Amino acid sequence: MGLSYSDILKLESITGSSPFYLVVRQRFERNFDDLTAAFESRYQPFTLAYSYKTNYLPYLCQIIKQKGGWAEVVSRMEYDLAIRIGHDAEKIIFNGPVKTQDDIERALDNGSIVNLDCRPELDIAAAYAHRHPDRSIRIGLRINIGLSDEAGRSHIQNSLKVGRFGFAPAALHSQFLILNSKLQTDNLKVVSLHGHTSTTDRSAWCFETITKTLCRIAGEHFADTIEYINVGGGFFGRMHPDMPFKNVPSFEDYAQTICGILNTDNWAASTRPTLVIEPGVAMVADCVSFVAKVASVKTIAGRLFVTVDGSAFHAKPTFHSLNMPHQIITKDDNRSVQTFSVVGSTCMEKDILLTDITAPLPSVGDYIKIDNVGAYTLVMSPPFIHPAPAIVADEDGRYKLIRRKQTLDEVFSNYSF
C-alpha cells in the first residue's frame, strides 16, 4: 500500500511523533478468511488458532476472537492475555516447552487444550488427574517430527538433524501406559496430537510428513480418544513481488496437501478429528508496515547512508539480510535515483534496515516505509535506547491509534530507584 507525503503527515499527527507502525486491518481479516476457506472447503471440522507469539497486539487478537478463531499461546503471559481479551478458555491451545505446574493446572481447570512437551509436564498432568478422579482430564501431546527427506537432508529449522521439542514417537505410548499404570488412573485422555515443527523451507512436503505422522500415531495408539490433529504453523503468507521467495506454496496448496491426507487416511477418514492449524506469519506478516523519518544523509568512503529515527530492532529484530519491500516518501518527486543504505537510530554498526537499495535519495524530513514487518517485530523489539513506537490501525482509510508511544515512566515503572 503506497502512502503519500500528506498521508504520512496525517499519521504522524495521530501518533505524535515518528517512527510508528501501520496495521492494515483489512489484510489481516482477508488472510483469516482465505486460510479458513482454503481448508474448510476441503475438510471439516476445522479450526484456525492464531499464533499469539508472532504478534500479540491485542487489537489483532480481538479480531481473531470476533471472527471465531482460537488462540494459540506458548506462555502464561500469552494465556492470561487471551483470557483478558475474552477468549473462551476452551478455545485456547496452550503450547510451549516450559509450562509450570500452576500453568498446566490452571489451563486444565479452565478446559483449555494443553499440548504437553515433555515427561515432567506429563507427570504434572497425570498427578492432577489422580487428584481429580471424577473428572475426565483431556490433554494433548506434542510429537517430535523427523523431517529428513529421502536424500537425508533435514528440513528442520537451520538444517538441524533432530528437533528438540515434543515426545519421540518411538517412546510415546510406552511412557503414557507406564505413567497411567503407576498412578492407577484411567481418566487422563489424550485428545490432541500436536506436530508443529519449524522448517527451513515451509514446503508442502513438510506438512505432508507432519500430517501423516500424526495420523499414524493417532491410529496406532490413541484411535478412540483423539479429537484434534494439530499440524501447527509455519506456512508462507502472501509474497510481495519484491520478496526473493519464488514459487512458494499458496494457502490452497497447503490445504490440498493436508486435507488430502486426512480425507484418505483410514483412521482420520472414519473418525473425522478436528484439523487445527496455528498460522502466525501467514496471518500477520503482510499486514504491518514500519514508518521512520530521515534524520541525516551522508557519504562515507564513497557510500551513501540514510539514517532514520527507527532501528532494525523495529523492522527486523532477527537482523536477517533481506531487504524488505519499501517505499521512499519524499516532498520532492524529482529526487535523483541513487544507491544507498538505510541505517538506524541505535549505536550499533549492524543497525541496518535496508542495504544498498537503488531508489530516489530522500532528504532530511522525508520518510521511509518498510512493509511486511508484522511477524516477530512488535513482540521482539526491546526498549533499547528508545521507547517502543506508536501503532496506528488503518480501517478502510480511517486511522485509529491502537498503541501510543511508550513513555519513560512506562519503561521504568517496575524498577527500583
Protein backbone atom coordinates (compact mmCIF):
# COMPACT_ATOMS: atom_id res chain seq x y z
CA MET A 1 0.00 0.00 0.00
CA GLY A 2 1.59 3.23 -1.15
CA LEU A 3 1.34 6.35 1.01
CA SER A 4 1.68 9.99 0.02
CA TYR A 5 3.65 12.57 1.97
CA SER A 6 0.38 14.09 3.17
CA ASP A 7 -0.78 10.66 4.36
CA ILE A 8 2.36 10.36 6.45
CA LEU A 9 1.90 13.80 7.98
CA LYS A 10 -1.67 12.84 8.92
CA LEU A 11 -0.48 9.63 10.53
CA GLU A 12 2.27 11.42 12.43
CA SER A 13 -0.27 13.89 13.76
CA ILE A 14 -2.16 10.92 15.24
CA THR A 15 0.90 9.23 16.76
CA GLY A 16 2.51 12.47 17.92
CA SER A 17 5.93 11.52 16.58
CA SER A 18 7.92 9.28 14.28
CA PRO A 19 8.64 6.37 13.97
CA PHE A 20 5.43 4.34 14.06
CA TYR A 21 3.80 1.14 12.82
CA LEU A 22 0.80 0.99 10.50
CA VAL A 23 -1.55 -2.02 10.72
CA VAL A 24 -3.96 -2.69 7.86
CA ARG A 25 -6.98 -4.43 9.37
CA GLN A 26 -8.48 -5.47 6.04
CA ARG A 27 -5.40 -7.53 5.13
CA PHE A 28 -5.45 -9.36 8.45
CA GLU A 29 -9.12 -10.23 8.05
CA ARG A 30 -8.56 -11.28 4.44
CA ASN A 31 -5.80 -13.67 5.45
CA PHE A 32 -8.04 -15.24 8.10
CA ASP A 33 -10.91 -15.60 5.65
CA ASP A 34 -8.80 -17.01 2.83
CA LEU A 35 -6.96 -19.51 5.03
CA THR A 36 -10.23 -20.66 6.54
CA ALA A 37 -11.90 -21.01 3.14
CA ALA A 38 -8.98 -22.97 1.69
CA PHE A 39 -9.12 -25.57 4.46
CA GLU A 40 -12.85 -25.69 5.24
CA SER A 41 -13.71 -26.28 1.58
CA ARG A 42 -11.60 -29.44 1.68
CA TYR A 43 -12.05 -30.80 5.20
CA GLN A 44 -14.31 -30.29 8.20
CA PRO A 45 -14.29 -29.88 11.14
CA PHE A 46 -11.56 -27.22 11.03
CA THR A 47 -10.17 -24.62 13.44
CA LEU A 48 -7.72 -21.76 12.91
CA ALA A 49 -5.83 -20.92 16.12
CA TYR A 50 -3.84 -17.71 15.75
CA SER A 51 -0.23 -17.80 16.96
CA TYR A 52 0.00 -15.12 19.64
CA LYS A 53 3.80 -15.22 19.81
CA THR A 54 4.06 -13.95 16.23
CA ASN A 55 2.29 -10.71 17.11
CA TYR A 56 0.17 -10.49 20.24
CA LEU A 57 -1.14 -7.00 19.55
CA PRO A 58 -4.48 -7.03 21.42
CA TYR A 59 -6.16 -5.25 18.51
CA LEU A 60 -5.36 -8.23 16.24
CA CYS A 61 -6.14 -10.88 18.85
CA GLN A 62 -9.58 -9.35 19.35
CA ILE A 63 -10.24 -9.65 15.61
CA ILE A 64 -9.45 -13.36 15.82
CA LYS A 65 -11.95 -13.76 18.65
CA GLN A 66 -14.62 -11.79 16.77
CA LYS A 67 -14.20 -13.98 13.70
CA GLY A 68 -14.48 -17.21 15.68
CA GLY A 69 -10.81 -18.18 15.63
CA TRP A 70 -8.97 -19.75 18.55
CA ALA A 71 -5.88 -18.54 20.42
CA GLU A 72 -2.59 -20.47 20.33
CA VAL A 73 -0.30 -19.43 23.18
CA VAL A 74 3.11 -20.59 24.39
CA SER A 75 3.46 -18.89 27.77
CA ARG A 76 1.46 -17.93 30.84
CA MET A 77 1.69 -14.29 29.78
CA GLU A 78 0.05 -15.07 26.45
CA TYR A 79 -2.50 -17.37 28.10
CA ASP A 80 -3.56 -14.64 30.54
CA LEU A 81 -3.73 -12.15 27.64
CA ALA A 82 -6.11 -14.45 25.74
CA ILE A 83 -8.32 -14.71 28.82
CA ARG A 84 -8.28 -10.92 29.30
CA ILE A 85 -9.22 -10.38 25.65
CA GLY A 86 -12.26 -12.56 26.31
CA HIS A 87 -11.42 -15.81 24.57
CA ASP A 88 -13.43 -18.78 25.75
CA ALA A 89 -10.84 -20.81 27.70
CA GLU A 90 -11.91 -23.94 25.83
CA LYS A 91 -10.78 -22.20 22.63
CA ILE A 92 -7.23 -21.61 23.87
CA ILE A 93 -4.44 -24.02 22.92
CA PHE A 94 -1.53 -23.88 25.37
CA ASN A 95 1.74 -24.98 23.74
CA GLY A 96 5.38 -24.22 24.54
CA PRO A 97 8.34 -26.16 26.00
CA VAL A 98 8.22 -24.69 29.53
CA LYS A 99 4.95 -24.77 31.46
CA THR A 100 4.90 -24.66 35.26
CA GLN A 101 2.64 -26.80 37.41
CA ASP A 102 0.46 -23.77 38.04
CA ASP A 103 0.26 -23.05 34.29
CA ILE A 104 -0.84 -26.59 33.47
CA GLU A 105 -3.32 -26.89 36.31
CA ARG A 106 -4.93 -23.51 35.59
CA ALA A 107 -5.36 -24.38 31.93
CA LEU A 108 -6.80 -27.82 32.78
CA ASP A 109 -9.13 -26.22 35.34
CA ASN A 110 -10.41 -23.94 32.57
CA GLY A 111 -10.85 -26.70 30.00
CA SER A 112 -8.15 -25.41 27.64
CA ILE A 113 -6.21 -27.79 25.42
CA VAL A 114 -2.72 -28.24 26.85
CA ASN A 115 -0.24 -29.86 24.46
CA LEU A 116 2.43 -31.29 26.78
CA ASP A 117 6.03 -31.16 25.60
CA CYS A 118 7.96 -33.47 27.92
CA ARG A 119 7.77 -36.12 30.64
CA PRO A 120 7.81 -33.65 33.59
CA GLU A 121 4.76 -31.92 32.13
CA LEU A 122 3.05 -35.27 31.62
CA ASP A 123 3.81 -36.14 35.25
CA ILE A 124 2.12 -32.92 36.37
CA ALA A 125 -0.99 -33.64 34.29
CA ALA A 126 -1.15 -37.24 35.49
CA ALA A 127 -0.88 -36.19 39.12
CA TYR A 128 -3.63 -33.65 38.52
CA ALA A 129 -5.83 -36.38 37.04
CA HIS A 130 -5.09 -38.61 40.02
CA ARG A 131 -6.30 -35.85 42.39
CA HIS A 132 -9.50 -35.41 40.35
CA PRO A 133 -10.70 -38.99 39.76
CA ASP A 134 -14.26 -37.88 38.98
CA ARG A 135 -13.16 -35.67 36.07
CA SER A 136 -12.04 -36.63 32.59
CA ILE A 137 -8.76 -34.79 32.13
CA ARG A 138 -8.18 -34.06 28.45
CA ILE A 139 -4.61 -33.37 27.31
CA GLY A 140 -2.59 -33.12 24.14
CA LEU A 141 0.90 -34.32 23.32
CA ARG A 142 3.43 -32.58 21.14
CA ILE A 143 5.10 -35.06 18.82
CA ASN A 144 8.71 -34.72 17.69
CA ILE A 145 8.57 -34.96 13.91
CA GLY A 146 11.53 -36.08 11.83
CA LEU A 147 11.84 -34.09 8.62
CA SER A 148 14.73 -35.69 6.74
CA ASP A 149 13.96 -36.40 3.11
CA GLU A 150 15.00 -39.39 1.00
CA ALA A 151 18.38 -37.78 0.34
CA GLY A 152 18.99 -37.43 4.08
CA ARG A 153 18.61 -33.64 4.05
CA SER A 154 16.97 -32.22 7.15
CA HIS A 155 14.17 -29.70 6.63
CA ILE A 156 14.10 -28.67 10.29
CA GLN A 157 14.98 -25.04 11.04
CA ASN A 158 18.70 -24.29 10.46
CA SER A 159 19.01 -27.80 8.95
CA LEU A 160 19.21 -29.33 12.42
CA LYS A 161 19.26 -33.11 12.25
CA VAL A 162 16.98 -33.53 15.25
CA GLY A 163 14.38 -31.12 16.61
CA ARG A 164 14.27 -30.53 20.37
CA PHE A 165 10.53 -30.30 21.02
CA GLY A 166 7.95 -32.90 21.97
CA PHE A 167 7.88 -36.63 22.60
CA ALA A 168 9.84 -39.06 20.47
CA PRO A 169 7.23 -41.21 18.69
CA ALA A 170 9.04 -44.46 19.47
CA ALA A 171 8.78 -43.97 23.25
CA LEU A 172 5.50 -42.12 23.38
CA HIS A 173 2.93 -44.84 24.00
CA SER A 174 5.04 -46.84 26.46
CA GLN A 175 5.65 -43.72 28.57
CA PHE A 176 1.95 -42.96 28.66
CA LEU A 177 0.94 -46.52 29.63
CA ILE A 178 3.62 -46.77 32.33
CA LEU A 179 2.51 -43.49 33.84
CA ASN A 180 -1.16 -44.47 33.91
CA SER A 181 -0.31 -47.83 35.44
CA LYS A 182 1.86 -46.25 38.14
CA LEU A 183 -0.83 -43.80 39.16
CA GLN A 184 -3.68 -46.27 38.72
CA THR A 185 -5.82 -43.73 36.91
CA ASP A 186 -7.61 -44.02 33.62
CA ASN A 187 -9.18 -40.56 33.50
CA LEU A 188 -6.28 -38.94 31.65
CA LYS A 189 -7.24 -38.88 27.99
CA VAL A 190 -5.04 -37.86 25.07
CA VAL A 191 -7.37 -35.86 22.82
CA SER A 192 -4.86 -33.85 20.75
CA LEU A 193 -1.68 -34.58 18.84
CA HIS A 194 0.41 -31.52 18.00
CA GLY A 195 3.11 -31.60 15.32
CA HIS A 196 4.36 -28.03 14.91
CA THR A 197 7.91 -28.12 13.52
CA SER A 198 9.86 -25.05 12.39
CA THR A 199 11.21 -25.80 8.93
CA THR A 200 13.86 -24.46 6.59
CA ASP A 201 11.60 -24.11 3.57
CA ARG A 202 7.95 -24.14 4.74
CA SER A 203 7.28 -26.63 1.97
CA ALA A 204 4.07 -28.58 1.46
CA TRP A 205 6.17 -31.76 1.80
CA CYS A 206 6.94 -30.86 5.42
CA PHE A 207 3.23 -30.59 6.22
CA GLU A 208 2.55 -33.81 4.36
CA THR A 209 5.08 -35.55 6.62
CA ILE A 210 3.70 -33.93 9.78
CA THR A 211 0.10 -34.86 8.96
CA LYS A 212 0.94 -38.45 8.03
CA THR A 213 2.96 -38.91 11.21
CA LEU A 214 0.20 -37.57 13.45
CA CYS A 215 -2.45 -39.72 11.77
CA ARG A 216 -0.28 -42.82 12.08
CA ILE A 217 0.37 -42.26 15.79
CA ALA A 218 -3.29 -41.49 16.43
CA GLY A 219 -4.45 -44.62 14.63
CA GLU A 220 -1.91 -46.89 16.30
CA HIS A 221 -2.04 -45.64 19.88
CA PHE A 222 -4.95 -43.27 20.56
CA ALA A 223 -7.56 -44.26 17.99
CA ASP A 224 -10.51 -43.93 20.37
CA THR A 225 -9.61 -40.64 22.08
CA ILE A 226 -8.02 -38.22 19.60
CA GLU A 227 -10.27 -35.28 18.75
CA TYR A 228 -7.69 -32.87 17.28
CA ILE A 229 -4.95 -33.29 14.70
CA ASN A 230 -2.90 -30.10 15.06
CA VAL A 231 -0.29 -29.59 12.32
CA GLY A 232 0.93 -26.30 13.84
CA GLY A 233 2.00 -23.27 11.84
CA GLY A 234 4.96 -22.15 9.75
CA PHE A 235 3.09 -21.50 6.49
CA PHE A 236 4.17 -19.00 3.87
CA GLY A 237 1.91 -15.99 3.61
CA ARG A 238 1.27 -13.86 0.56
CA MET A 239 4.50 -12.85 -1.13
CA HIS A 240 5.15 -9.27 -2.19
CA PRO A 241 6.66 -9.27 -5.71
CA ASP A 242 9.83 -7.65 -4.36
CA MET A 243 10.48 -10.54 -1.97
CA PRO A 244 13.12 -13.07 -3.09
CA PHE A 245 10.92 -16.11 -2.43
CA LYS A 246 9.56 -17.61 -5.64
CA ASN A 247 7.08 -20.42 -6.32
CA VAL A 248 6.11 -20.72 -2.66
CA PRO A 249 3.07 -22.81 -1.68
CA SER A 250 -0.23 -20.97 -1.58
CA PHE A 251 -2.92 -21.36 1.07
CA GLU A 252 -4.67 -23.66 -1.42
CA ASP A 253 -1.54 -25.78 -1.85
CA TYR A 254 -1.15 -26.29 1.89
CA ALA A 255 -4.82 -27.11 2.31
CA GLN A 256 -4.82 -29.56 -0.60
CA THR A 257 -1.85 -31.43 0.88
CA ILE A 258 -3.01 -31.60 4.50
CA CYS A 259 -6.70 -32.18 3.87
CA GLY A 260 -5.96 -34.74 1.19
CA ILE A 261 -4.18 -36.90 3.74
CA LEU A 262 -6.95 -36.58 6.32
CA ASN A 263 -9.57 -37.48 3.74
CA THR A 264 -7.74 -40.65 2.64
CA ASP A 265 -6.14 -41.91 5.86
CA ASN A 266 -8.24 -44.82 7.13
CA TRP A 267 -8.31 -43.68 10.77
CA ALA A 268 -8.87 -39.97 10.06
CA ALA A 269 -11.48 -40.54 7.37
CA SER A 270 -13.56 -42.67 9.72
CA THR A 271 -13.20 -40.62 12.94
CA ARG A 272 -13.09 -37.08 11.45
CA PRO A 273 -10.90 -35.36 14.06
CA THR A 274 -10.85 -31.56 14.05
CA LEU A 275 -7.99 -30.26 11.93
CA VAL A 276 -6.15 -27.41 13.67
CA ILE A 277 -3.66 -25.04 12.08
CA GLU A 278 -1.73 -22.36 14.00
CA PRO A 279 -0.68 -19.68 11.48
CA GLY A 280 1.30 -16.65 12.55
CA VAL A 281 3.48 -15.33 9.72
CA ALA A 282 0.84 -16.22 7.11
CA MET A 283 -1.72 -14.20 9.07
CA VAL A 284 0.14 -11.05 10.04
CA ALA A 285 3.41 -10.52 8.13
CA ASP A 286 1.95 -8.52 5.25
CA CYS A 287 -0.46 -6.54 7.46
CA VAL A 288 2.06 -4.25 9.15
CA SER A 289 4.44 -1.54 7.89
CA PHE A 290 7.07 0.49 9.76
CA VAL A 291 7.48 4.19 9.00
CA ALA A 292 10.56 6.18 10.03
CA LYS A 293 11.72 9.73 9.35
CA VAL A 294 15.05 10.59 7.73
CA ALA A 295 17.40 12.25 10.23
CA SER A 296 20.54 12.60 8.09
CA VAL A 297 22.06 11.76 4.72
CA LYS A 298 25.84 11.43 4.44
CA THR A 299 28.61 9.93 2.32
CA ILE A 300 31.44 7.95 3.93
CA ALA A 301 34.21 6.34 1.86
CA GLY A 302 32.08 6.60 -1.27
CA ARG A 303 28.99 5.03 0.31
CA LEU A 304 25.71 6.78 0.96
CA PHE A 305 23.99 6.30 4.33
CA VAL A 306 20.46 7.48 5.11
CA THR A 307 19.88 7.50 8.88
CA VAL A 308 16.30 7.23 10.17
CA ASP A 309 14.78 7.65 13.61
CA GLY A 310 13.82 3.96 13.90
CA SER A 311 16.01 0.88 14.03
CA ALA A 312 16.40 -2.66 12.72
CA PHE A 313 15.05 -3.81 16.08
CA HIS A 314 11.71 -2.40 14.93
CA ALA A 315 11.76 -3.71 11.34
CA LYS A 316 13.78 -6.94 11.53
CA PRO A 317 14.90 -7.77 15.09
CA THR A 318 16.48 -11.05 13.96
CA PHE A 319 18.81 -8.93 11.77
CA HIS A 320 18.23 -11.07 8.70
CA SER A 321 19.88 -9.95 5.48
CA LEU A 322 16.77 -9.43 3.34
CA ASN A 323 15.71 -6.04 2.06
CA MET A 324 12.01 -5.90 2.79
CA PRO A 325 9.59 -4.19 0.38
CA HIS A 326 9.81 -0.46 0.93
CA GLN A 327 8.70 2.98 -0.24
CA ILE A 328 10.64 6.25 -0.23
CA ILE A 329 8.22 9.07 0.58
CA THR A 330 9.61 12.50 -0.27
CA LYS A 331 8.38 16.06 -0.54
CA ASP A 332 10.21 16.34 -3.86
CA ASP A 333 9.10 13.93 -6.59
CA ASN A 334 12.18 14.84 -8.65
CA ARG A 335 14.78 13.39 -6.30
CA SER A 336 17.69 11.71 -8.11
CA VAL A 337 17.88 7.92 -8.06
CA GLN A 338 20.96 6.69 -6.21
CA THR A 339 22.20 3.62 -4.32
CA PHE A 340 22.25 3.92 -0.54
CA SER A 341 21.73 2.01 2.71
CA VAL A 342 19.13 2.90 5.32
CA VAL A 343 20.59 2.72 8.81
CA GLY A 344 19.03 3.04 12.22
CA SER A 345 18.97 5.19 15.33
CA THR A 346 20.95 2.96 17.69
CA CYS A 347 24.70 2.98 18.35
CA MET A 348 25.26 -0.42 16.71
CA GLU A 349 27.13 -0.61 13.40
CA LYS A 350 24.94 -3.51 12.30
CA ASP A 351 21.74 -1.48 12.75
CA ILE A 352 20.90 -1.60 9.03
CA LEU A 353 17.29 -1.62 7.86
CA LEU A 354 17.93 -1.70 4.08
CA THR A 355 21.23 -2.46 2.34
CA ASP A 356 22.36 -0.90 -0.96
CA ILE A 357 18.93 -0.13 -2.37
CA THR A 358 18.54 1.92 -5.55
CA ALA A 359 15.78 4.48 -5.20
CA PRO A 360 15.09 8.24 -5.10
CA LEU A 361 17.51 9.60 -2.49
CA PRO A 362 15.48 11.14 0.35
CA SER A 363 16.44 14.25 2.26
CA VAL A 364 16.13 15.14 5.92
CA GLY A 365 12.47 15.18 6.92
CA ASP A 366 11.37 12.66 4.30
CA TYR A 367 10.10 9.19 5.28
CA ILE A 368 10.81 5.56 4.53
CA LYS A 369 8.11 2.91 4.84
CA ILE A 370 9.16 -0.72 5.20
CA ASP A 371 6.47 -3.35 4.57
CA ASN A 372 5.90 -6.96 5.64
CA VAL A 373 7.08 -6.38 9.19
CA GLY A 374 4.11 -7.85 11.05
CA ALA A 375 5.79 -11.04 12.24
CA TYR A 376 8.10 -11.17 15.29
CA THR A 377 8.80 -7.42 15.30
CA LEU A 378 6.48 -5.89 17.87
CA VAL A 379 6.93 -8.85 20.22
CA MET A 380 10.73 -8.92 19.93
CA SER A 381 11.52 -5.19 19.98
CA PRO A 382 13.09 -4.18 23.30
CA PRO A 383 13.11 -0.62 24.66
CA PHE A 384 16.73 -0.47 23.53
CA ILE A 385 17.90 3.16 23.62
CA HIS A 386 14.44 4.34 22.54
CA PRO A 387 10.95 3.51 23.84
CA ALA A 388 8.51 1.47 21.77
CA PRO A 389 6.89 3.38 18.87
CA ALA A 390 3.19 4.08 18.48
CA ILE A 391 0.91 1.88 16.37
CA VAL A 392 -1.90 3.08 14.10
CA ALA A 393 -4.58 0.89 12.52
CA ASP A 394 -5.93 1.59 9.05
CA GLU A 395 -9.61 0.64 9.00
CA ASP A 396 -10.55 1.17 5.35
CA GLY A 397 -8.97 4.61 5.25
CA ARG A 398 -9.92 5.62 8.79
CA TYR A 399 -6.94 5.77 11.11
CA LYS A 400 -7.08 4.70 14.76
CA LEU A 401 -4.34 4.89 17.39
CA ILE A 402 -4.09 1.42 18.98
CA ARG A 403 -0.87 1.93 20.95
CA ARG A 404 0.63 5.22 21.97
CA LYS A 405 4.38 5.75 22.06
CA GLN A 406 5.87 4.27 25.22
CA THR A 407 6.86 6.76 27.92
CA LEU A 408 9.81 6.86 30.30
CA ASP A 409 7.51 6.08 33.23
CA GLU A 410 6.14 3.00 31.45
CA VAL A 411 9.61 1.68 30.61
CA PHE A 412 10.86 2.04 34.20
CA SER A 413 7.65 1.52 36.19
CA ASN A 414 8.78 -1.79 37.70
CA TYR A 415 12.34 -0.68 38.55
CA SER A 416 13.51 0.43 42.00
CA PHE A 417 15.11 3.86 42.21
